[in-house]
N, C-alpha and C. Protein backbone atom coordinates (compact mmCIF):
# COMPACT_ATOMS: atom_id res chain seq x y z
N THR A 1 22.05 19.53 1.76
CA THR A 1 23.02 20.38 1.10
C THR A 1 23.54 21.41 2.08
N LYS A 2 24.87 21.62 2.04
CA LYS A 2 25.52 22.57 2.94
C LYS A 2 25.96 23.78 2.13
N ASP A 3 26.12 24.92 2.85
CA ASP A 3 26.70 26.09 2.20
C ASP A 3 28.18 25.83 1.99
N ILE A 4 28.67 26.28 0.84
CA ILE A 4 30.07 26.04 0.49
C ILE A 4 30.76 27.40 0.37
N PRO A 5 31.89 27.57 1.06
CA PRO A 5 32.61 28.85 0.92
C PRO A 5 32.95 29.11 -0.56
N VAL A 6 32.87 30.37 -0.95
CA VAL A 6 33.10 30.75 -2.35
C VAL A 6 34.42 30.22 -2.86
N ALA A 7 35.46 30.29 -2.04
CA ALA A 7 36.80 29.85 -2.47
C ALA A 7 36.81 28.37 -2.83
N ASN A 8 35.96 27.57 -2.19
CA ASN A 8 35.95 26.12 -2.45
C ASN A 8 34.93 25.71 -3.50
N PHE A 9 34.13 26.65 -3.96
CA PHE A 9 32.99 26.29 -4.81
C PHE A 9 33.41 25.64 -6.13
N ILE A 10 34.41 26.18 -6.78
CA ILE A 10 34.84 25.63 -8.07
C ILE A 10 35.32 24.19 -7.90
N MET A 11 36.12 23.95 -6.84
CA MET A 11 36.60 22.58 -6.59
C MET A 11 35.42 21.65 -6.29
N HIS A 12 34.46 22.15 -5.52
CA HIS A 12 33.28 21.36 -5.19
C HIS A 12 32.50 21.02 -6.47
N GLU A 13 32.33 22.00 -7.33
CA GLU A 13 31.58 21.81 -8.57
C GLU A 13 32.25 20.76 -9.46
N ILE A 14 33.56 20.80 -9.55
CA ILE A 14 34.30 19.82 -10.35
C ILE A 14 34.13 18.42 -9.75
N HIS A 15 34.28 18.35 -8.42
CA HIS A 15 34.11 17.06 -7.73
C HIS A 15 32.70 16.49 -8.00
N CYS A 16 31.68 17.33 -7.84
CA CYS A 16 30.31 16.87 -8.04
C CYS A 16 30.06 16.39 -9.46
N SER A 17 30.50 17.17 -10.43
CA SER A 17 30.21 16.78 -11.82
C SER A 17 30.91 15.48 -12.19
N ARG A 18 32.04 15.18 -11.53
CA ARG A 18 32.74 13.91 -11.81
C ARG A 18 32.11 12.74 -11.07
N ASN A 19 31.59 12.98 -9.88
CA ASN A 19 31.21 11.87 -8.99
C ASN A 19 29.71 11.71 -8.72
N ILE A 20 28.94 12.73 -9.01
CA ILE A 20 27.51 12.70 -8.68
C ILE A 20 26.68 12.75 -9.95
N GLU A 21 25.61 11.97 -9.94
CA GLU A 21 24.71 11.93 -11.09
C GLU A 21 23.29 12.16 -10.56
N VAL A 22 22.47 12.84 -11.36
CA VAL A 22 21.08 13.04 -10.96
C VAL A 22 20.25 11.92 -11.59
N CYS A 23 19.49 11.22 -10.76
CA CYS A 23 18.67 10.11 -11.26
C CYS A 23 17.58 10.67 -12.18
N ARG A 24 17.45 10.06 -13.36
CA ARG A 24 16.48 10.56 -14.34
C ARG A 24 15.04 10.24 -13.94
N TYR A 25 14.86 9.34 -12.97
CA TYR A 25 13.50 8.99 -12.54
C TYR A 25 13.03 9.78 -11.32
N CYS A 26 13.91 9.93 -10.33
CA CYS A 26 13.46 10.58 -9.08
C CYS A 26 14.19 11.88 -8.77
N SER A 27 15.16 12.25 -9.60
CA SER A 27 15.93 13.50 -9.44
C SER A 27 16.79 13.55 -8.18
N ASP A 28 17.00 12.41 -7.51
CA ASP A 28 17.93 12.36 -6.39
C ASP A 28 19.35 12.45 -6.91
N SER A 29 20.23 13.07 -6.11
CA SER A 29 21.65 13.10 -6.44
C SER A 29 22.29 11.83 -5.89
N ILE A 30 22.88 11.05 -6.77
CA ILE A 30 23.42 9.74 -6.40
C ILE A 30 24.89 9.68 -6.83
N PRO A 31 25.75 9.17 -5.94
CA PRO A 31 27.14 8.94 -6.40
C PRO A 31 27.13 8.03 -7.63
N LYS A 32 27.93 8.37 -8.63
CA LYS A 32 27.94 7.57 -9.87
C LYS A 32 28.22 6.10 -9.57
N SER A 33 29.05 5.84 -8.57
CA SER A 33 29.39 4.45 -8.24
C SER A 33 28.18 3.69 -7.67
N GLU A 34 27.18 4.42 -7.19
CA GLU A 34 25.99 3.80 -6.59
C GLU A 34 24.78 3.77 -7.52
N MET A 35 24.91 4.38 -8.70
CA MET A 35 23.74 4.54 -9.57
C MET A 35 23.14 3.20 -9.98
N LYS A 36 23.99 2.21 -10.30
CA LYS A 36 23.46 0.90 -10.70
C LYS A 36 22.63 0.29 -9.56
N ASN A 37 23.17 0.34 -8.34
CA ASN A 37 22.43 -0.18 -7.18
C ASN A 37 21.13 0.60 -6.95
N HIS A 38 21.22 1.92 -7.10
CA HIS A 38 20.03 2.76 -6.92
C HIS A 38 18.95 2.36 -7.92
N MET A 39 19.32 2.20 -9.17
CA MET A 39 18.34 1.84 -10.21
C MET A 39 17.71 0.47 -9.90
N GLU A 40 18.53 -0.48 -9.47
CA GLU A 40 18.02 -1.83 -9.18
C GLU A 40 17.12 -1.85 -7.95
N SER A 41 17.49 -1.10 -6.92
CA SER A 41 16.70 -1.17 -5.68
C SER A 41 15.48 -0.26 -5.70
N GLU A 42 15.50 0.80 -6.48
CA GLU A 42 14.40 1.77 -6.47
C GLU A 42 13.50 1.72 -7.70
N HIS A 43 14.11 1.63 -8.87
CA HIS A 43 13.33 1.87 -10.09
C HIS A 43 13.15 0.65 -11.00
N MET A 44 13.75 -0.47 -10.64
CA MET A 44 13.58 -1.66 -11.45
C MET A 44 12.09 -2.07 -11.44
N GLN A 45 11.58 -2.44 -12.59
CA GLN A 45 10.18 -2.88 -12.68
C GLN A 45 10.07 -4.31 -12.15
N VAL A 46 9.11 -4.51 -11.28
CA VAL A 46 8.81 -5.84 -10.76
C VAL A 46 7.32 -6.09 -11.01
N THR A 47 6.93 -7.34 -10.92
CA THR A 47 5.52 -7.68 -11.13
C THR A 47 4.92 -8.14 -9.82
N CYS A 48 3.85 -7.48 -9.42
CA CYS A 48 3.12 -7.86 -8.20
C CYS A 48 2.36 -9.16 -8.47
N LYS A 49 1.92 -9.81 -7.38
CA LYS A 49 1.13 -11.04 -7.54
C LYS A 49 -0.17 -10.78 -8.30
N CYS A 50 -0.61 -9.50 -8.35
CA CYS A 50 -1.83 -9.14 -9.10
C CYS A 50 -1.52 -8.88 -10.57
N ARG A 51 -0.28 -9.11 -10.96
CA ARG A 51 0.21 -8.97 -12.34
C ARG A 51 0.47 -7.53 -12.77
N MET A 52 0.34 -6.58 -11.85
CA MET A 52 0.64 -5.19 -12.18
C MET A 52 2.15 -4.99 -12.14
N LYS A 53 2.68 -4.30 -13.15
CA LYS A 53 4.10 -3.95 -13.17
C LYS A 53 4.27 -2.64 -12.42
N ILE A 54 5.28 -2.59 -11.54
CA ILE A 54 5.45 -1.43 -10.67
C ILE A 54 6.91 -1.29 -10.29
N GLU A 55 7.34 -0.05 -9.99
CA GLU A 55 8.71 0.15 -9.53
C GLU A 55 8.91 -0.57 -8.20
N LYS A 56 10.08 -1.17 -8.06
CA LYS A 56 10.37 -1.96 -6.86
C LYS A 56 10.16 -1.14 -5.58
N SER A 57 10.54 0.13 -5.57
CA SER A 57 10.42 0.96 -4.36
C SER A 57 8.97 1.25 -3.99
N LEU A 58 8.04 1.10 -4.92
CA LEU A 58 6.62 1.38 -4.67
C LEU A 58 5.83 0.12 -4.34
N LEU A 59 6.47 -1.04 -4.46
CA LEU A 59 5.76 -2.31 -4.31
C LEU A 59 5.14 -2.49 -2.93
N LYS A 60 5.90 -2.21 -1.86
CA LYS A 60 5.39 -2.43 -0.49
C LYS A 60 4.10 -1.63 -0.26
N ASP A 61 4.11 -0.34 -0.62
CA ASP A 61 2.91 0.49 -0.45
C ASP A 61 1.74 -0.07 -1.27
N HIS A 62 2.04 -0.49 -2.49
CA HIS A 62 1.00 -1.07 -3.36
C HIS A 62 0.39 -2.31 -2.71
N GLU A 63 1.25 -3.19 -2.19
CA GLU A 63 0.78 -4.45 -1.59
C GLU A 63 -0.11 -4.19 -0.37
N VAL A 64 0.17 -3.12 0.36
CA VAL A 64 -0.57 -2.82 1.58
C VAL A 64 -1.87 -2.06 1.32
N SER A 65 -1.84 -1.12 0.35
CA SER A 65 -2.99 -0.22 0.25
C SER A 65 -3.71 -0.20 -1.09
N ALA A 66 -3.13 -0.77 -2.13
CA ALA A 66 -3.78 -0.65 -3.45
C ALA A 66 -3.99 -1.98 -4.17
N CYS A 67 -3.24 -2.99 -3.83
CA CYS A 67 -3.33 -4.26 -4.55
C CYS A 67 -4.71 -4.90 -4.37
N PRO A 68 -5.36 -5.29 -5.45
CA PRO A 68 -6.67 -5.93 -5.32
C PRO A 68 -6.59 -7.29 -4.62
N LEU A 69 -5.40 -7.86 -4.52
CA LEU A 69 -5.24 -9.16 -3.86
C LEU A 69 -4.75 -9.03 -2.41
N ARG A 70 -4.66 -7.78 -1.90
CA ARG A 70 -4.19 -7.60 -0.52
C ARG A 70 -5.19 -8.24 0.44
N PRO A 71 -4.71 -8.74 1.59
CA PRO A 71 -5.61 -9.38 2.55
C PRO A 71 -6.58 -8.37 3.16
N ALA A 72 -7.82 -8.81 3.34
CA ALA A 72 -8.86 -7.96 3.95
C ALA A 72 -9.73 -8.84 4.84
N LEU A 73 -10.26 -8.25 5.90
CA LEU A 73 -11.10 -9.00 6.84
C LEU A 73 -12.57 -8.66 6.63
N CYS A 74 -13.41 -9.67 6.63
CA CYS A 74 -14.86 -9.47 6.58
C CYS A 74 -15.30 -8.84 7.89
N GLN A 75 -16.12 -7.80 7.81
CA GLN A 75 -16.57 -7.11 9.03
C GLN A 75 -17.56 -7.93 9.84
N TYR A 76 -18.12 -8.98 9.22
CA TYR A 76 -19.15 -9.78 9.92
C TYR A 76 -18.60 -11.07 10.51
N CYS A 77 -17.67 -11.74 9.82
CA CYS A 77 -17.21 -13.04 10.32
C CYS A 77 -15.71 -13.10 10.55
N ASP A 78 -14.99 -11.99 10.25
CA ASP A 78 -13.53 -11.91 10.46
C ASP A 78 -12.72 -12.90 9.65
N ILE A 79 -13.31 -13.52 8.61
CA ILE A 79 -12.52 -14.36 7.73
C ILE A 79 -11.64 -13.44 6.87
N GLN A 80 -10.43 -13.90 6.56
CA GLN A 80 -9.53 -13.10 5.72
C GLN A 80 -9.63 -13.58 4.29
N LEU A 81 -9.78 -12.65 3.37
CA LEU A 81 -9.82 -12.98 1.94
C LEU A 81 -9.23 -11.84 1.14
N ALA A 82 -9.09 -12.02 -0.17
CA ALA A 82 -8.52 -10.98 -1.02
C ALA A 82 -9.49 -9.79 -1.09
N PHE A 83 -8.93 -8.58 -1.09
CA PHE A 83 -9.74 -7.37 -1.10
C PHE A 83 -10.76 -7.35 -2.23
N ASN A 84 -10.37 -7.85 -3.42
CA ASN A 84 -11.30 -7.82 -4.56
C ASN A 84 -12.45 -8.81 -4.42
N LYS A 85 -12.41 -9.68 -3.42
CA LYS A 85 -13.51 -10.62 -3.15
C LYS A 85 -14.37 -10.17 -1.97
N LEU A 86 -13.90 -9.13 -1.26
CA LEU A 86 -14.54 -8.72 -0.01
C LEU A 86 -15.98 -8.25 -0.19
N GLN A 87 -16.24 -7.40 -1.17
CA GLN A 87 -17.58 -6.83 -1.30
C GLN A 87 -18.63 -7.92 -1.54
N ASP A 88 -18.38 -8.83 -2.49
CA ASP A 88 -19.33 -9.90 -2.75
C ASP A 88 -19.52 -10.78 -1.51
N HIS A 89 -18.43 -11.08 -0.82
CA HIS A 89 -18.51 -11.90 0.38
C HIS A 89 -19.36 -11.21 1.46
N GLU A 90 -19.12 -9.92 1.69
CA GLU A 90 -19.85 -9.21 2.75
C GLU A 90 -21.34 -9.08 2.44
N ILE A 91 -21.70 -8.94 1.17
CA ILE A 91 -23.12 -8.91 0.81
C ILE A 91 -23.79 -10.22 1.22
N TYR A 92 -23.13 -11.33 0.87
CA TYR A 92 -23.64 -12.65 1.22
C TYR A 92 -23.60 -12.87 2.73
N CYS A 93 -22.47 -12.54 3.34
CA CYS A 93 -22.26 -12.83 4.76
C CYS A 93 -23.18 -11.98 5.64
N GLY A 94 -23.38 -10.74 5.28
CA GLY A 94 -24.24 -9.85 6.06
C GLY A 94 -25.71 -10.20 5.96
N ALA A 95 -26.08 -10.97 4.92
CA ALA A 95 -27.48 -11.34 4.72
C ALA A 95 -27.86 -12.61 5.51
N ARG A 96 -26.85 -13.29 6.09
CA ARG A 96 -27.17 -14.44 6.96
C ARG A 96 -27.98 -13.94 8.15
N THR A 97 -28.72 -14.82 8.79
CA THR A 97 -29.50 -14.39 9.96
C THR A 97 -29.05 -15.12 11.22
N GLU A 98 -29.24 -14.45 12.33
CA GLU A 98 -29.00 -15.05 13.66
C GLU A 98 -30.22 -14.71 14.52
N ARG A 99 -30.58 -15.63 15.40
CA ARG A 99 -31.73 -15.41 16.29
C ARG A 99 -31.32 -14.46 17.42
N CYS A 100 -32.15 -13.46 17.65
CA CYS A 100 -31.92 -12.51 18.75
C CYS A 100 -32.36 -13.16 20.05
N GLY A 101 -31.49 -13.14 21.05
CA GLY A 101 -31.81 -13.70 22.36
C GLY A 101 -32.90 -12.92 23.08
N GLY A 102 -33.08 -11.64 22.73
CA GLY A 102 -34.06 -10.80 23.40
C GLY A 102 -35.48 -10.99 22.87
N CYS A 103 -35.64 -10.85 21.55
CA CYS A 103 -36.99 -10.88 20.98
C CYS A 103 -37.30 -12.18 20.24
N GLY A 104 -36.29 -13.01 20.02
CA GLY A 104 -36.50 -14.29 19.35
C GLY A 104 -36.63 -14.21 17.83
N ARG A 105 -36.56 -13.00 17.28
CA ARG A 105 -36.67 -12.86 15.82
C ARG A 105 -35.33 -13.18 15.15
N ASN A 106 -35.38 -13.62 13.89
CA ASN A 106 -34.17 -13.82 13.09
C ASN A 106 -33.76 -12.47 12.50
N ILE A 107 -32.53 -12.05 12.80
CA ILE A 107 -32.03 -10.74 12.39
C ILE A 107 -30.85 -10.94 11.43
N MET A 108 -30.83 -10.17 10.34
CA MET A 108 -29.68 -10.25 9.43
C MET A 108 -28.42 -9.79 10.16
N VAL A 109 -27.33 -10.49 9.91
CA VAL A 109 -26.06 -10.20 10.57
C VAL A 109 -25.67 -8.73 10.37
N LYS A 110 -25.94 -8.19 9.17
CA LYS A 110 -25.57 -6.79 8.92
C LYS A 110 -26.38 -5.81 9.78
N ASP A 111 -27.50 -6.24 10.33
CA ASP A 111 -28.33 -5.37 11.16
C ASP A 111 -28.16 -5.61 12.66
N LEU A 112 -27.31 -6.57 13.05
CA LEU A 112 -27.17 -6.93 14.46
C LEU A 112 -26.70 -5.78 15.35
N LYS A 113 -25.80 -4.92 14.83
CA LYS A 113 -25.30 -3.82 15.65
C LYS A 113 -26.40 -2.83 15.98
N GLU A 114 -27.28 -2.57 15.04
CA GLU A 114 -28.36 -1.61 15.23
C GLU A 114 -29.57 -2.23 15.96
N HIS A 115 -29.70 -3.54 15.90
CA HIS A 115 -30.89 -4.20 16.42
C HIS A 115 -31.23 -3.91 17.88
N PRO A 116 -30.26 -3.86 18.81
CA PRO A 116 -30.62 -3.61 20.21
C PRO A 116 -31.44 -2.33 20.41
N ARG A 117 -31.26 -1.34 19.55
CA ARG A 117 -32.02 -0.08 19.70
C ARG A 117 -33.52 -0.28 19.42
N VAL A 118 -33.82 -1.24 18.54
CA VAL A 118 -35.23 -1.45 18.15
C VAL A 118 -35.78 -2.78 18.64
N CYS A 119 -35.00 -3.52 19.40
CA CYS A 119 -35.40 -4.86 19.85
C CYS A 119 -36.63 -4.80 20.73
N GLY A 120 -37.54 -5.75 20.53
CA GLY A 120 -38.73 -5.85 21.36
C GLY A 120 -39.88 -5.11 20.71
């Protein structure tokens, strides 16, 4: 928003009230001719693959950081799976064992990072 000289203010106000509309969802000032596009691109309800209904403009953030079906990597085997399956998978995956080359004992995968400190 710019400062408007007092002499031009009335003309500006008339122009704005004819041509600009405030969006009822986000309070942005939108040219009336663009309001339909604004509503469709920002506020139209879409359904995510997780079946959640969400505003179109919020979908990308949801897919990346909140969707239970977003891709996630197992910290033990680097397999990619849905975030909502990750915890159960990691419990199972971390409980697998691998033989330590140093002491010959079978060590749970979840303990491999700490094992060198206590090995032998």
